[in-house]
Amino acid sequence: MGAEKEYKQEPAKEIDYVQVTKSRAFKKLMHDRKKFIVPLTIFFLIFYFLLPVLTSYTTFLNTPVIGDISWVWLFALAQFIMTWVLCTIYVKKAAVFDKQADEIIREMEEGGEKR
């Protein structure tokens, strides 16, 4: 048969996840994530539910803006745009969170939190 190379994989160092959750870096990561996600979620939910609430209880969105196009059409279109924009923002911010998480893992593999 062919020449097969044998690859030896170094065993991964055991990570103490309790220590990870107590580290300053992990707490900062969780704080940063919460500070980012909570306001974005609140904005999304308010913007999303505003359309059915306004169309059910007011007639403002029935007002024409451009010809036969009313505010309700623009608001509905804005919801699609808002979803794509928030998704893009989240993906970019998640990359930053991933880097923070990778750094935490690397620090723990090297023997714990840097002081």
C-alpha atoms as a PDB file:
ATOM      1  CA  MET A   1       0.000   0.000   0.000  1.00  0.00           C
ATOM      2  CA  GLY A   2       1.015   3.662  -0.050  1.00  0.00           C
ATOM      3  CA  ALA A   3       3.225   5.378   2.453  1.00  0.00           C
ATOM      4  CA  GLU A   4       0.896   6.512   5.165  1.00  0.00           C
ATOM      5  CA  LYS A   5       1.972   9.218   7.524  1.00  0.00           C
ATOM      6  CA  GLU A   6       1.048   8.807  11.085  1.00  0.00           C
ATOM      7  CA  TYR A   7      -0.170  11.999  12.688  1.00  0.00           C
ATOM      8  CA  LYS A   8       0.022  12.218  16.419  1.00  0.00           C
ATOM      9  CA  GLN A   9      -2.297  14.663  17.998  1.00  0.00           C
ATOM     10  CA  GLU A  10      -1.293  16.258  21.234  1.00  0.00           C
ATOM     11  CA  PRO A  11      -3.894  15.659  23.900  1.00  0.00           C
ATOM     12  CA  ALA A  12      -5.814  18.836  24.650  1.00  0.00           C
ATOM     13  CA  LYS A  13      -5.190  20.301  28.064  1.00  0.00           C
ATOM     14  CA  GLU A  14      -8.122  19.842  30.398  1.00  0.00           C
ATOM     15  CA  ILE A  15      -9.881  23.152  30.952  1.00  0.00           C
ATOM     16  CA  ASP A  16     -11.532  23.887  34.284  1.00  0.00           C
ATOM     17  CA  TYR A  17     -14.774  25.497  33.160  1.00  0.00           C
ATOM     18  CA  VAL A  18     -15.670  26.576  36.676  1.00  0.00           C
ATOM     19  CA  GLN A  19     -12.442  28.597  36.696  1.00  0.00           C
ATOM     20  CA  VAL A  20     -13.329  29.976  33.269  1.00  0.00           C
ATOM     21  CA  THR A  21     -16.709  31.240  34.485  1.00  0.00           C
ATOM     22  CA  LYS A  22     -15.037  32.953  37.446  1.00  0.00           C
ATOM     23  CA  SER A  23     -12.395  34.699  35.342  1.00  0.00           C
ATOM     24  CA  ARG A  24     -12.552  38.447  34.708  1.00  0.00           C
ATOM     25  CA  ALA A  25     -12.225  37.920  30.949  1.00  0.00           C
ATOM     26  CA  PHE A  26     -15.261  35.612  30.841  1.00  0.00           C
ATOM     27  CA  LYS A  27     -17.344  37.974  32.976  1.00  0.00           C
ATOM     28  CA  LYS A  28     -16.369  40.844  30.670  1.00  0.00           C
ATOM     29  CA  LEU A  29     -17.377  38.767  27.634  1.00  0.00           C
ATOM     30  CA  MET A  30     -20.773  37.990  29.167  1.00  0.00           C
ATOM     31  CA  HIS A  31     -21.263  41.648  30.137  1.00  0.00           C
ATOM     32  CA  ASP A  32     -20.318  42.849  26.636  1.00  0.00           C
ATOM     33  CA  ARG A  33     -22.664  40.336  25.000  1.00  0.00           C
ATOM     34  CA  LYS A  34     -25.547  41.299  27.267  1.00  0.00           C
ATOM     35  CA  LYS A  35     -24.887  45.017  26.730  1.00  0.00           C
ATOM     36  CA  PHE A  36     -25.075  44.422  22.968  1.00  0.00           C
ATOM     37  CA  ILE A  37     -27.889  41.882  22.667  1.00  0.00           C
ATOM     38  CA  VAL A  38     -30.480  43.287  25.086  1.00  0.00           C
ATOM     39  CA  PRO A  39     -30.865  46.755  23.482  1.00  0.00           C
ATOM     40  CA  LEU A  40     -30.829  45.243  19.977  1.00  0.00           C
ATOM     41  CA  THR A  41     -33.528  42.749  20.947  1.00  0.00           C
ATOM     42  CA  ILE A  42     -35.690  45.419  22.575  1.00  0.00           C
ATOM     43  CA  PHE A  43     -35.367  47.655  19.495  1.00  0.00           C
ATOM     44  CA  PHE A  44     -36.233  44.752  17.176  1.00  0.00           C
ATOM     45  CA  LEU A  45     -39.313  43.709  19.163  1.00  0.00           C
ATOM     46  CA  ILE A  46     -40.650  47.260  19.445  1.00  0.00           C
ATOM     47  CA  PHE A  47     -40.085  47.982  15.743  1.00  0.00           C
ATOM     48  CA  TYR A  48     -41.559  44.609  14.733  1.00  0.00           C
ATOM     49  CA  PHE A  49     -44.724  44.827  16.848  1.00  0.00           C
ATOM     50  CA  LEU A  50     -45.281  48.509  16.105  1.00  0.00           C
ATOM     51  CA  LEU A  51     -46.671  47.709  12.640  1.00  0.00           C
ATOM     52  CA  PRO A  52     -49.574  45.502  13.768  1.00  0.00           C
ATOM     53  CA  VAL A  53     -50.303  47.789  16.714  1.00  0.00           C
ATOM     54  CA  LEU A  54     -50.378  50.941  14.575  1.00  0.00           C
ATOM     55  CA  THR A  55     -52.473  49.327  11.839  1.00  0.00           C
ATOM     56  CA  SER A  56     -54.952  47.964  14.378  1.00  0.00           C
ATOM     57  CA  TYR A  57     -55.432  51.056  16.526  1.00  0.00           C
ATOM     58  CA  THR A  58     -54.633  54.049  14.291  1.00  0.00           C
ATOM     59  CA  THR A  59     -55.219  55.192  10.741  1.00  0.00           C
ATOM     60  CA  PHE A  60     -51.972  57.153  10.420  1.00  0.00           C
ATOM     61  CA  LEU A  61     -50.229  54.468   8.338  1.00  0.00           C
ATOM     62  CA  ASN A  62     -53.048  54.564   5.765  1.00  0.00           C
ATOM     63  CA  THR A  63     -51.974  58.068   4.717  1.00  0.00           C
ATOM     64  CA  PRO A  64     -50.518  58.130   1.174  1.00  0.00           C
ATOM     65  CA  VAL A  65     -46.866  59.158   0.889  1.00  0.00           C
ATOM     66  CA  ILE A  66     -46.024  58.790  -2.790  1.00  0.00           C
ATOM     67  CA  GLY A  67     -49.013  58.342  -5.080  1.00  0.00           C
ATOM     68  CA  ASP A  68     -50.918  55.257  -3.912  1.00  0.00           C
ATOM     69  CA  ILE A  69     -48.085  54.063  -1.650  1.00  0.00           C
ATOM     70  CA  SER A  70     -49.019  54.571   1.985  1.00  0.00           C
ATOM     71  CA  TRP A  71     -46.899  54.664   5.127  1.00  0.00           C
ATOM     72  CA  VAL A  72     -47.842  51.079   5.939  1.00  0.00           C
ATOM     73  CA  TRP A  73     -45.983  49.847   2.839  1.00  0.00           C
ATOM     74  CA  LEU A  74     -42.910  51.869   3.723  1.00  0.00           C
ATOM     75  CA  PHE A  75     -43.009  50.652   7.317  1.00  0.00           C
ATOM     76  CA  ALA A  76     -43.341  47.037   6.181  1.00  0.00           C
ATOM     77  CA  LEU A  77     -40.419  47.458   3.774  1.00  0.00           C
ATOM     78  CA  ALA A  78     -38.410  49.084   6.559  1.00  0.00           C
ATOM     79  CA  GLN A  79     -38.932  45.949   8.658  1.00  0.00           C
ATOM     80  CA  PHE A  80     -37.202  43.823   6.026  1.00  0.00           C
ATOM     81  CA  ILE A  81     -34.358  46.321   5.796  1.00  0.00           C
ATOM     82  CA  MET A  82     -34.109  46.487   9.594  1.00  0.00           C
ATOM     83  CA  THR A  83     -33.851  42.695   9.800  1.00  0.00           C
ATOM     84  CA  TRP A  84     -30.969  42.573   7.316  1.00  0.00           C
ATOM     85  CA  VAL A  85     -29.172  45.482   8.980  1.00  0.00           C
ATOM     86  CA  LEU A  86     -29.490  43.973  12.468  1.00  0.00           C
ATOM     87  CA  CYS A  87     -28.346  40.608  11.133  1.00  0.00           C
ATOM     88  CA  THR A  88     -25.258  42.200   9.570  1.00  0.00           C
ATOM     89  CA  ILE A  89     -24.462  44.120  12.748  1.00  0.00           C
ATOM     90  CA  TYR A  90     -24.870  40.976  14.831  1.00  0.00           C
ATOM     91  CA  VAL A  91     -22.617  38.869  12.591  1.00  0.00           C
ATOM     92  CA  LYS A  92     -19.848  41.479  12.748  1.00  0.00           C
ATOM     93  CA  LYS A  93     -20.161  41.848  16.521  1.00  0.00           C
ATOM     94  CA  ALA A  94     -20.290  38.064  16.994  1.00  0.00           C
ATOM     95  CA  ALA A  95     -16.866  37.844  15.344  1.00  0.00           C
ATOM     96  CA  VAL A  96     -15.527  40.146  18.081  1.00  0.00           C
ATOM     97  CA  PHE A  97     -17.146  37.965  20.756  1.00  0.00           C
ATOM     98  CA  ASP A  98     -15.627  34.871  19.136  1.00  0.00           C
ATOM     99  CA  LYS A  99     -12.166  36.444  19.336  1.00  0.00           C
ATOM    100  CA  GLN A 100     -12.728  37.208  23.021  1.00  0.00           C
ATOM    101  CA  ALA A 101     -13.839  33.618  23.644  1.00  0.00           C
ATOM    102  CA  ASP A 102     -10.823  32.231  21.769  1.00  0.00           C
ATOM    103  CA  GLU A 103      -8.543  34.409  23.884  1.00  0.00           C
ATOM    104  CA  ILE A 104     -10.170  33.107  27.080  1.00  0.00           C
ATOM    105  CA  ILE A 105      -9.680  29.514  25.931  1.00  0.00           C
ATOM    106  CA  ARG A 106      -6.055  30.197  24.986  1.00  0.00           C
ATOM    107  CA  GLU A 107      -5.368  31.783  28.377  1.00  0.00           C
ATOM    108  CA  MET A 108      -6.919  28.833  30.202  1.00  0.00           C
ATOM    109  CA  GLU A 109      -4.918  26.352  28.155  1.00  0.00           C
ATOM    110  CA  GLU A 110      -1.765  28.241  29.081  1.00  0.00           C
ATOM    111  CA  GLY A 111      -2.462  27.894  32.757  1.00  0.00           C
ATOM    112  CA  GLY A 112      -5.120  30.325  33.789  1.00  0.00           C
ATOM    113  CA  GLU A 113      -6.064  33.939  33.756  1.00  0.00           C
ATOM    114  CA  LYS A 114      -3.400  36.574  33.275  1.00  0.00           C
ATOM    115  CA  ARG A 115      -3.280  38.996  36.132  1.00  0.00           C
END
